[in-house]
């Protein structure tokens, strides 16, 4: 179970991996097992547990795993007035349910439910089991946080802070490989240069604040008229570059006109 959690790279993968795992491996947990999590715990891993604890959650708890009689129940959300996914009260049928919190100090991010008397209860393994489960879930959140921080650092490294377009580093890392891939596949590609006329006059007569506004305006015009799979670069002070795979001459002309009319 811990290995499965350690191998995932996202919250969505966690749900899929644990469901597949517990479908075939639940001797220790018994035939009725439920793991419920607050999705916000993994939704923004950059928030600390203390900050999460202060937020009032508006989302329904999510059912990560729900086994009933050894079979997986496909239940995604759980109403707050419910505790056990798929619970049905049957006449002359009795069960004992054990509710075990998942928490980091004072912050509770979910709970686990065992029914009747599973192996972990009979063999006095419950404390060890829950400790290892919480350690694995906590480590996953730490890994997601590190991944988010690395992506932010990469974004700062590759992006121009004024325009949010790629900078020269982004050009090297993103645009050139995209260009080379289109050449290799012999696919049409647009390479468009954009610059601002009389940029020096704008700075000299109106000041650099207005010059920066002109740069941001042109950048906004470019961002508003390119596809998500295209690359836009602030190549120099007032020079821009667009690398656009799968773009023919007609589409390129339309992009040019739209930018000029922005």
C-alpha atoms as a PDB file:
ATOM      1  CA  UNK A   1       0.000   0.000   0.000  1.00  0.00           C
ATOM      2  CA  UNK A   2       2.771   2.450   0.919  1.00  0.00           C
ATOM      3  CA  UNK A   3       4.657   1.623  -2.272  1.00  0.00           C
ATOM      4  CA  UNK A   4       1.542   2.304  -4.333  1.00  0.00           C
ATOM      5  CA  UNK A   5       1.110   5.705  -2.692  1.00  0.00           C
ATOM      6  CA  UNK A   6       4.792   6.567  -3.148  1.00  0.00           C
ATOM      7  CA  UNK A   7       4.599   5.856  -6.887  1.00  0.00           C
ATOM      8  CA  UNK A   8       1.765   8.269  -7.727  1.00  0.00           C
ATOM      9  CA  UNK A   9       2.354  11.795  -8.947  1.00  0.00           C
ATOM     10  CA  UNK A  10      -1.047  13.389  -8.421  1.00  0.00           C
ATOM     11  CA  UNK A  11      -4.222  13.212  -6.361  1.00  0.00           C
ATOM     12  CA  UNK A  12      -6.115  11.669  -9.290  1.00  0.00           C
ATOM     13  CA  UNK A  13      -3.481   8.939  -9.586  1.00  0.00           C
ATOM     14  CA  UNK A  14      -3.778   8.295  -5.841  1.00  0.00           C
ATOM     15  CA  UNK A  15      -7.460   7.432  -6.163  1.00  0.00           C
ATOM     16  CA  UNK A  16      -6.927   5.117  -9.127  1.00  0.00           C
ATOM     17  CA  UNK A  17      -3.898   3.397  -7.622  1.00  0.00           C
ATOM     18  CA  UNK A  18      -5.456   2.706  -4.217  1.00  0.00           C
ATOM     19  CA  UNK A  19      -8.694   1.418  -5.711  1.00  0.00           C
ATOM     20  CA  UNK A  20      -6.800  -1.009  -7.902  1.00  0.00           C
ATOM     21  CA  UNK A  21      -4.613  -2.039  -4.968  1.00  0.00           C
ATOM     22  CA  UNK A  22      -7.390  -2.707  -2.456  1.00  0.00           C
ATOM     23  CA  UNK A  23      -9.502  -4.571  -4.981  1.00  0.00           C
ATOM     24  CA  UNK A  24      -7.025  -7.458  -4.793  1.00  0.00           C
ATOM     25  CA  UNK A  25      -5.252  -6.785  -1.478  1.00  0.00           C
ATOM     26  CA  UNK A  26      -7.497  -6.322   1.532  1.00  0.00           C
ATOM     27  CA  UNK A  27      -6.933  -9.344   3.778  1.00  0.00           C
ATOM     28  CA  UNK A  28      -5.609  -7.167   6.577  1.00  0.00           C
ATOM     29  CA  UNK A  29      -8.376  -4.584   6.223  1.00  0.00           C
ATOM     30  CA  UNK A  30     -11.325  -6.920   5.738  1.00  0.00           C
ATOM     31  CA  UNK A  31     -14.127  -6.971   3.192  1.00  0.00           C
ATOM     32  CA  UNK A  32     -15.537  -3.570   4.174  1.00  0.00           C
ATOM     33  CA  UNK A  33     -13.049  -0.723   4.000  1.00  0.00           C
ATOM     34  CA  UNK A  34     -13.571   2.956   3.259  1.00  0.00           C
ATOM     35  CA  UNK A  35     -11.017   5.759   2.893  1.00  0.00           C
ATOM     36  CA  UNK A  36     -12.437   9.278   2.773  1.00  0.00           C
ATOM     37  CA  UNK A  37     -10.308  12.370   2.144  1.00  0.00           C
ATOM     38  CA  UNK A  38     -10.748  16.111   1.952  1.00  0.00           C
ATOM     39  CA  UNK A  39      -9.631  16.871  -1.602  1.00  0.00           C
ATOM     40  CA  UNK A  40      -8.499  20.351  -0.567  1.00  0.00           C
ATOM     41  CA  UNK A  41      -5.623  18.742   1.340  1.00  0.00           C
ATOM     42  CA  UNK A  42      -4.072  17.843  -2.006  1.00  0.00           C
ATOM     43  CA  UNK A  43      -5.717  20.562  -4.112  1.00  0.00           C
ATOM     44  CA  UNK A  44      -3.180  23.242  -3.163  1.00  0.00           C
ATOM     45  CA  UNK A  45      -0.083  21.557  -1.701  1.00  0.00           C
ATOM     46  CA  UNK A  46       1.611  24.941  -1.258  1.00  0.00           C
ATOM     47  CA  UNK A  47      -0.783  25.779   1.562  1.00  0.00           C
ATOM     48  CA  UNK A  48       0.340  24.645   4.999  1.00  0.00           C
ATOM     49  CA  UNK A  49      -1.825  22.451   7.201  1.00  0.00           C
ATOM     50  CA  UNK A  50      -2.278  25.428   9.526  1.00  0.00           C
ATOM     51  CA  UNK A  51      -3.619  27.537   6.646  1.00  0.00           C
ATOM     52  CA  UNK A  52      -5.888  24.715   5.513  1.00  0.00           C
ATOM     53  CA  UNK A  53      -7.232  24.339   9.034  1.00  0.00           C
ATOM     54  CA  UNK A  54      -8.338  27.980   9.006  1.00  0.00           C
ATOM     55  CA  UNK A  55     -10.190  27.606   5.714  1.00  0.00           C
ATOM     56  CA  UNK A  56     -13.832  26.597   5.831  1.00  0.00           C
ATOM     57  CA  UNK A  57     -14.224  23.701   3.416  1.00  0.00           C
ATOM     58  CA  UNK A  58     -17.212  23.910   1.096  1.00  0.00           C
ATOM     59  CA  UNK A  59     -16.527  20.726  -0.822  1.00  0.00           C
ATOM     60  CA  UNK A  60     -17.980  17.314  -0.142  1.00  0.00           C
ATOM     61  CA  UNK A  61     -15.557  14.693   1.177  1.00  0.00           C
ATOM     62  CA  UNK A  62     -14.211  12.412  -1.544  1.00  0.00           C
ATOM     63  CA  UNK A  63     -14.343   8.641  -1.390  1.00  0.00           C
ATOM     64  CA  UNK A  64     -10.889   7.390  -2.306  1.00  0.00           C
ATOM     65  CA  UNK A  65     -11.628   3.706  -1.697  1.00  0.00           C
ATOM     66  CA  UNK A  66     -14.902   2.036  -0.807  1.00  0.00           C
ATOM     67  CA  UNK A  67     -15.042  -1.755  -0.464  1.00  0.00           C
ATOM     68  CA  UNK A  68     -18.313  -3.421   0.353  1.00  0.00           C
ATOM     69  CA  UNK A  69     -18.257  -7.199   0.714  1.00  0.00           C
ATOM     70  CA  UNK A  70     -14.865  -7.134  -1.004  1.00  0.00           C
ATOM     71  CA  UNK A  71     -16.096  -5.272  -4.086  1.00  0.00           C
ATOM     72  CA  UNK A  72     -15.234  -1.709  -5.059  1.00  0.00           C
ATOM     73  CA  UNK A  73     -18.122   0.751  -4.897  1.00  0.00           C
ATOM     74  CA  UNK A  74     -17.920   3.531  -7.489  1.00  0.00           C
ATOM     75  CA  UNK A  75     -18.754   6.456  -5.206  1.00  0.00           C
ATOM     76  CA  UNK A  76     -16.995   9.789  -5.769  1.00  0.00           C
ATOM     77  CA  UNK A  77     -18.528  12.237  -3.298  1.00  0.00           C
ATOM     78  CA  UNK A  78     -20.024  11.821   0.152  1.00  0.00           C
ATOM     79  CA  UNK A  79     -22.690  14.076   1.628  1.00  0.00           C
ATOM     80  CA  UNK A  80     -21.641  15.576   4.937  1.00  0.00           C
ATOM     81  CA  UNK A  81     -24.582  14.014   6.733  1.00  0.00           C
ATOM     82  CA  UNK A  82     -23.333  10.577   5.678  1.00  0.00           C
ATOM     83  CA  UNK A  83     -20.408   8.758   7.215  1.00  0.00           C
ATOM     84  CA  UNK A  84     -20.272   5.387   5.462  1.00  0.00           C
ATOM     85  CA  UNK A  85     -20.337   5.272   1.642  1.00  0.00           C
ATOM     86  CA  UNK A  86     -23.207   3.180   0.294  1.00  0.00           C
ATOM     87  CA  UNK A  87     -24.532   2.443   3.786  1.00  0.00           C
ATOM     88  CA  UNK A  88     -27.862   0.615   3.916  1.00  0.00           C
ATOM     89  CA  UNK A  89     -29.495  -0.387   7.156  1.00  0.00           C
ATOM     90  CA  UNK A  90     -30.723  -3.946   6.858  1.00  0.00           C
ATOM     91  CA  UNK A  91     -33.050  -5.668   9.264  1.00  0.00           C
ATOM     92  CA  UNK A  92     -31.477  -8.305  11.538  1.00  0.00           C
ATOM     93  CA  UNK A  93     -27.997  -7.400  10.319  1.00  0.00           C
ATOM     94  CA  UNK A  94     -25.473  -5.875  12.686  1.00  0.00           C
ATOM     95  CA  UNK A  95     -21.988  -4.538  12.139  1.00  0.00           C
ATOM     96  CA  UNK A  96     -19.383  -2.800  14.247  1.00  0.00           C
ATOM     97  CA  UNK A  97     -17.687   0.131  12.493  1.00  0.00           C
ATOM     98  CA  UNK A  98     -14.344   1.621  13.519  1.00  0.00           C
ATOM     99  CA  UNK A  99     -13.787   5.253  12.506  1.00  0.00           C
ATOM    100  CA  UNK A 100     -10.121   6.278  12.482  1.00  0.00           C
ATOM    101  CA  UNK A 101      -9.082   9.873  11.722  1.00  0.00           C
ATOM    102  CA  UNK A 102      -6.388  10.844   9.244  1.00  0.00           C
ATOM    103  CA  UNK A 103      -4.719  13.931  10.627  1.00  0.00           C
ATOM    104  CA  UNK A 104      -1.595  16.036  10.758  1.00  0.00           C
ATOM    105  CA  UNK A 105      -1.418  17.388  14.288  1.00  0.00           C
ATOM    106  CA  UNK A 106      -4.676  19.352  14.680  1.00  0.00           C
ATOM    107  CA  UNK A 107      -5.665  19.268  11.002  1.00  0.00           C
ATOM    108  CA  UNK A 108      -7.997  16.397  10.096  1.00  0.00           C
ATOM    109  CA  UNK A 109      -7.958  15.637   6.377  1.00  0.00           C
ATOM    110  CA  UNK A 110     -10.034  12.458   6.277  1.00  0.00           C
ATOM    111  CA  UNK A 111     -10.814   9.160   7.941  1.00  0.00           C
ATOM    112  CA  UNK A 112     -10.698   5.409   7.476  1.00  0.00           C
ATOM    113  CA  UNK A 113     -13.503   2.979   8.303  1.00  0.00           C
ATOM    114  CA  UNK A 114     -13.099  -0.710   9.114  1.00  0.00           C
ATOM    115  CA  UNK A 115     -16.093  -2.962   9.670  1.00  0.00           C
ATOM    116  CA  UNK A 116     -16.526  -5.736  12.232  1.00  0.00           C
ATOM    117  CA  UNK A 117     -13.145  -7.168  13.317  1.00  0.00           C
ATOM    118  CA  UNK A 118     -10.489  -7.044  10.591  1.00  0.00           C
ATOM    119  CA  UNK A 119      -7.082  -8.656  10.906  1.00  0.00           C
ATOM    120  CA  UNK A 120      -5.378  -5.396  11.897  1.00  0.00           C
ATOM    121  CA  UNK A 121      -7.700  -5.184  14.904  1.00  0.00           C
ATOM    122  CA  UNK A 122      -7.376  -8.806  15.972  1.00  0.00           C
ATOM    123  CA  UNK A 123      -3.580  -8.814  15.769  1.00  0.00           C
ATOM    124  CA  UNK A 124      -3.118  -5.442  17.469  1.00  0.00           C
ATOM    125  CA  UNK A 125      -1.619  -3.894  14.319  1.00  0.00           C
ATOM    126  CA  UNK A 126      -3.987  -0.964  14.042  1.00  0.00           C
ATOM    127  CA  UNK A 127      -1.672   1.743  15.418  1.00  0.00           C
ATOM    128  CA  UNK A 128       1.196   0.664  13.160  1.00  0.00           C
ATOM    129  CA  UNK A 129      -1.112   0.413  10.134  1.00  0.00           C
ATOM    130  CA  UNK A 130      -2.583   3.906  10.583  1.00  0.00           C
ATOM    131  CA  UNK A 131       0.813   5.437  11.316  1.00  0.00           C
ATOM    132  CA  UNK A 132       2.275   4.056   8.097  1.00  0.00           C
ATOM    133  CA  UNK A 133      -0.777   5.095   6.074  1.00  0.00           C
ATOM    134  CA  UNK A 134      -0.580   8.656   7.391  1.00  0.00           C
ATOM    135  CA  UNK A 135       3.166   8.807   6.782  1.00  0.00           C
ATOM    136  CA  UNK A 136       2.650   7.724   3.162  1.00  0.00           C
ATOM    137  CA  UNK A 137      -0.154  10.244   2.587  1.00  0.00           C
ATOM    138  CA  UNK A 138       1.892  12.997   4.201  1.00  0.00           C
ATOM    139  CA  UNK A 139       4.930  12.141   2.077  1.00  0.00           C
ATOM    140  CA  UNK A 140       2.754  12.305  -1.045  1.00  0.00           C
ATOM    141  CA  UNK A 141       1.675  15.840  -0.129  1.00  0.00           C
ATOM    142  CA  UNK A 142       5.303  16.834   0.474  1.00  0.00           C
ATOM    143  CA  UNK A 143       6.252  15.457  -2.956  1.00  0.00           C
ATOM    144  CA  UNK A 144       3.364  17.347  -4.580  1.00  0.00           C
ATOM    145  CA  UNK A 145       4.528  20.506  -2.818  1.00  0.00           C
ATOM    146  CA  UNK A 146       8.094  20.045  -4.068  1.00  0.00           C
ATOM    147  CA  UNK A 147       6.792  19.428  -7.581  1.00  0.00           C
ATOM    148  CA  UNK A 148       4.682  22.607  -7.440  1.00  0.00           C
ATOM    149  CA  UNK A 149       7.653  24.623  -6.159  1.00  0.00           C
ATOM    150  CA  UNK A 150       9.874  23.267  -8.933  1.00  0.00           C
ATOM    151  CA  UNK A 151       7.257  24.201 -11.535  1.00  0.00           C
ATOM    152  CA  UNK A 152       7.060  27.711 -10.092  1.00  0.00           C
ATOM    153  CA  UNK A 153      10.852  28.007 -10.218  1.00  0.00           C
ATOM    154  CA  UNK A 154      10.893  26.751 -13.806  1.00  0.00           C
ATOM    155  CA  UNK A 155       8.194  29.257 -14.685  1.00  0.00           C
ATOM    156  CA  UNK A 156      10.216  32.080 -13.138  1.00  0.00           C
ATOM    157  CA  UNK A 157      13.288  30.858 -15.004  1.00  0.00           C
ATOM    158  CA  UNK A 158      11.566  30.564 -18.396  1.00  0.00           C
ATOM    159  CA  UNK A 159       9.101  33.467 -18.265  1.00  0.00           C
ATOM    160  CA  UNK A 160       9.476  37.208 -18.693  1.00  0.00           C
ATOM    161  CA  UNK A 161       7.978  38.800 -15.535  1.00  0.00           C
ATOM    162  CA  UNK A 162       6.612  41.877 -17.321  1.00  0.00           C
ATOM    163  CA  UNK A 163       4.661  40.123 -20.084  1.00  0.00           C
ATOM    164  CA  UNK A 164       4.389  36.501 -18.858  1.00  0.00           C
ATOM    165  CA  UNK A 165       5.692  35.420 -22.272  1.00  0.00           C
ATOM    166  CA  UNK A 166       8.670  33.101 -22.540  1.00  0.00           C
ATOM    167  CA  UNK A 167      12.077  34.777 -22.251  1.00  0.00           C
ATOM    168  CA  UNK A 168      15.334  33.831 -24.019  1.00  0.00           C
ATOM    169  CA  UNK A 169      15.730  30.783 -21.742  1.00  0.00           C
ATOM    170  CA  UNK A 170      12.203  29.721 -22.635  1.00  0.00           C
ATOM    171  CA  UNK A 171      13.074  30.243 -26.283  1.00  0.00           C
ATOM    172  CA  UNK A 172      15.988  27.828 -25.963  1.00  0.00           C
ATOM    173  CA  UNK A 173      14.045  25.248 -23.950  1.00  0.00           C
ATOM    174  CA  UNK A 174      10.617  25.435 -25.603  1.00  0.00           C
ATOM    175  CA  UNK A 175      10.610  27.195 -28.967  1.00  0.00           C
ATOM    176  CA  UNK A 176      13.690  25.660 -30.595  1.00  0.00           C
ATOM    177  CA  UNK A 177      12.651  22.029 -29.831  1.00  0.00           C
ATOM    178  CA  UNK A 178       9.160  22.816 -31.159  1.00  0.00           C
ATOM    179  CA  UNK A 179      10.652  24.233 -34.354  1.00  0.00           C
ATOM    180  CA  UNK A 180      12.968  21.238 -34.780  1.00  0.00           C
ATOM    181  CA  UNK A 181      10.074  18.816 -34.281  1.00  0.00           C
ATOM    182  CA  UNK A 182       8.023  20.498 -37.031  1.00  0.00           C
ATOM    183  CA  UNK A 183      11.005  20.433 -39.391  1.00  0.00           C
ATOM    184  CA  UNK A 184      11.552  16.740 -38.646  1.00  0.00           C
ATOM    185  CA  UNK A 185       7.888  15.955 -39.366  1.00  0.00           C
ATOM    186  CA  UNK A 186       7.850  18.261 -42.415  1.00  0.00           C
ATOM    187  CA  UNK A 187       4.791  20.033 -41.053  1.00  0.00           C
ATOM    188  CA  UNK A 188       3.861  23.664 -41.805  1.00  0.00           C
ATOM    189  CA  UNK A 189       4.972  26.188 -39.204  1.00  0.00           C
ATOM    190  CA  UNK A 190       4.716  29.923 -38.730  1.00  0.00           C
ATOM    191  CA  UNK A 191       7.692  31.895 -37.405  1.00  0.00           C
ATOM    192  CA  UNK A 192       6.537  35.476 -36.840  1.00  0.00           C
ATOM    193  CA  UNK A 193       8.615  38.412 -35.609  1.00  0.00           C
ATOM    194  CA  UNK A 194       6.807  41.310 -33.961  1.00  0.00           C
ATOM    195  CA  UNK A 195       8.354  44.579 -32.829  1.00  0.00           C
ATOM    196  CA  UNK A 196       7.133  48.003 -31.698  1.00  0.00           C
ATOM    197  CA  UNK A 197       7.809  50.948 -33.985  1.00  0.00           C
ATOM    198  CA  UNK A 198       9.286  54.097 -32.460  1.00  0.00           C
ATOM    199  CA  UNK A 199       9.834  52.487 -29.065  1.00  0.00           C
ATOM    200  CA  UNK A 200      12.658  54.904 -28.262  1.00  0.00           C
ATOM    201  CA  UNK A 201      10.398  57.876 -29.012  1.00  0.00           C
ATOM    202  CA  UNK A 202       7.729  56.514 -26.641  1.00  0.00           C
ATOM    203  CA  UNK A 203      10.289  56.176 -23.846  1.00  0.00           C
ATOM    204  CA  UNK A 204      11.896  59.577 -24.530  1.00  0.00           C
ATOM    205  CA  UNK A 205       8.668  61.588 -24.874  1.00  0.00           C
ATOM    206  CA  UNK A 206       6.333  59.820 -22.441  1.00  0.00           C
ATOM    207  CA  UNK A 207       8.668  57.974 -20.074  1.00  0.00           C
ATOM    208  CA  UNK A 208       9.480  54.333 -19.454  1.00  0.00           C
ATOM    209  CA  UNK A 209       6.174  53.689 -17.626  1.00  0.00           C
ATOM    210  CA  UNK A 210       4.324  54.286 -20.904  1.00  0.00           C
ATOM    211  CA  UNK A 211       6.977  52.292 -22.752  1.00  0.00           C
ATOM    212  CA  UNK A 212       6.362  49.336 -20.441  1.00  0.00           C
ATOM    213  CA  UNK A 213       2.610  49.731 -21.008  1.00  0.00           C
ATOM    214  CA  UNK A 214       3.197  49.546 -24.764  1.00  0.00           C
ATOM    215  CA  UNK A 215       5.217  46.345 -24.341  1.00  0.00           C
ATOM    216  CA  UNK A 216       2.505  44.764 -22.184  1.00  0.00           C
ATOM    217  CA  UNK A 217      -0.185  45.811 -24.681  1.00  0.00           C
ATOM    218  CA  UNK A 218       1.610  44.121 -27.573  1.00  0.00           C
ATOM    219  CA  UNK A 219       2.194  41.030 -25.423  1.00  0.00           C
ATOM    220  CA  UNK A 220      -1.540  40.911 -24.598  1.00  0.00           C
ATOM    221  CA  UNK A 221      -2.355  41.211 -28.310  1.00  0.00           C
ATOM    222  CA  UNK A 222      -0.088  38.247 -29.038  1.00  0.00           C
ATOM    223  CA  UNK A 223      -1.438  36.096 -26.169  1.00  0.00           C
ATOM    224  CA  UNK A 224      -5.025  36.797 -27.252  1.00  0.00           C
ATOM    225  CA  UNK A 225      -4.407  35.532 -30.785  1.00  0.00           C
ATOM    226  CA  UNK A 226      -2.318  32.384 -30.445  1.00  0.00           C
ATOM    227  CA  UNK A 227      -3.227  28.799 -29.655  1.00  0.00           C
ATOM    228  CA  UNK A 228      -2.223  27.018 -26.474  1.00  0.00           C
ATOM    229  CA  UNK A 229       0.275  24.810 -28.315  1.00  0.00           C
ATOM    230  CA  UNK A 230       2.095  27.817 -29.825  1.00  0.00           C
ATOM    231  CA  UNK A 231       5.065  29.531 -28.202  1.00  0.00           C
ATOM    232  CA  UNK A 232       5.304  33.304 -27.763  1.00  0.00           C
ATOM    233  CA  UNK A 233       8.628  34.833 -26.701  1.00  0.00           C
ATOM    234  CA  UNK A 234       9.739  38.275 -25.619  1.00  0.00           C
ATOM    235  CA  UNK A 235      12.982  38.072 -27.548  1.00  0.00           C
ATOM    236  CA  UNK A 236      14.376  41.470 -26.662  1.00  0.00           C
ATOM    237  CA  UNK A 237      13.243  44.812 -25.253  1.00  0.00           C
ATOM    238  CA  UNK A 238      10.446  45.467 -27.789  1.00  0.00           C
ATOM    239  CA  UNK A 239      10.938  42.390 -29.987  1.00  0.00           C
ATOM    240  CA  UNK A 240       8.686  39.344 -29.910  1.00  0.00           C
ATOM    241  CA  UNK A 241       8.710  35.969 -31.593  1.00  0.00           C
ATOM    242  CA  UNK A 242       5.884  33.497 -32.244  1.00  0.00           C
ATOM    243  CA  UNK A 243       6.606  29.846 -33.056  1.00  0.00           C
ATOM    244  CA  UNK A 244       3.400  28.239 -34.322  1.00  0.00           C
ATOM    245  CA  UNK A 245       3.329  24.598 -35.474  1.00  0.00           C
ATOM    246  CA  UNK A 246       0.543  23.417 -37.760  1.00  0.00           C
ATOM    247  CA  UNK A 247      -0.063  26.935 -39.062  1.00  0.00           C
ATOM    248  CA  UNK A 248      -0.375  27.626 -42.792  1.00  0.00           C
ATOM    249  CA  UNK A 249      -0.014  30.943 -44.644  1.00  0.00           C
ATOM    250  CA  UNK A 250      -3.707  31.829 -44.415  1.00  0.00           C
ATOM    251  CA  UNK A 251      -3.825  31.279 -40.646  1.00  0.00           C
ATOM    252  CA  UNK A 252      -0.586  33.250 -40.229  1.00  0.00           C
ATOM    253  CA  UNK A 253      -2.049  36.202 -42.110  1.00  0.00           C
ATOM    254  CA  UNK A 254      -5.127  36.128 -39.874  1.00  0.00           C
ATOM    255  CA  UNK A 255      -2.972  36.154 -36.732  1.00  0.00           C
ATOM    256  CA  UNK A 256      -0.980  39.121 -38.060  1.00  0.00           C
ATOM    257  CA  UNK A 257      -4.124  41.127 -38.834  1.00  0.00           C
ATOM    258  CA  UNK A 258      -5.661  40.351 -35.448  1.00  0.00           C
ATOM    259  CA  UNK A 259      -2.528  41.487 -33.607  1.00  0.00           C
ATOM    260  CA  UNK A 260      -2.376  44.732 -35.601  1.00  0.00           C
ATOM    261  CA  UNK A 261      -6.055  45.449 -34.909  1.00  0.00           C
ATOM    262  CA  UNK A 262      -5.880  44.639 -31.169  1.00  0.00           C
END
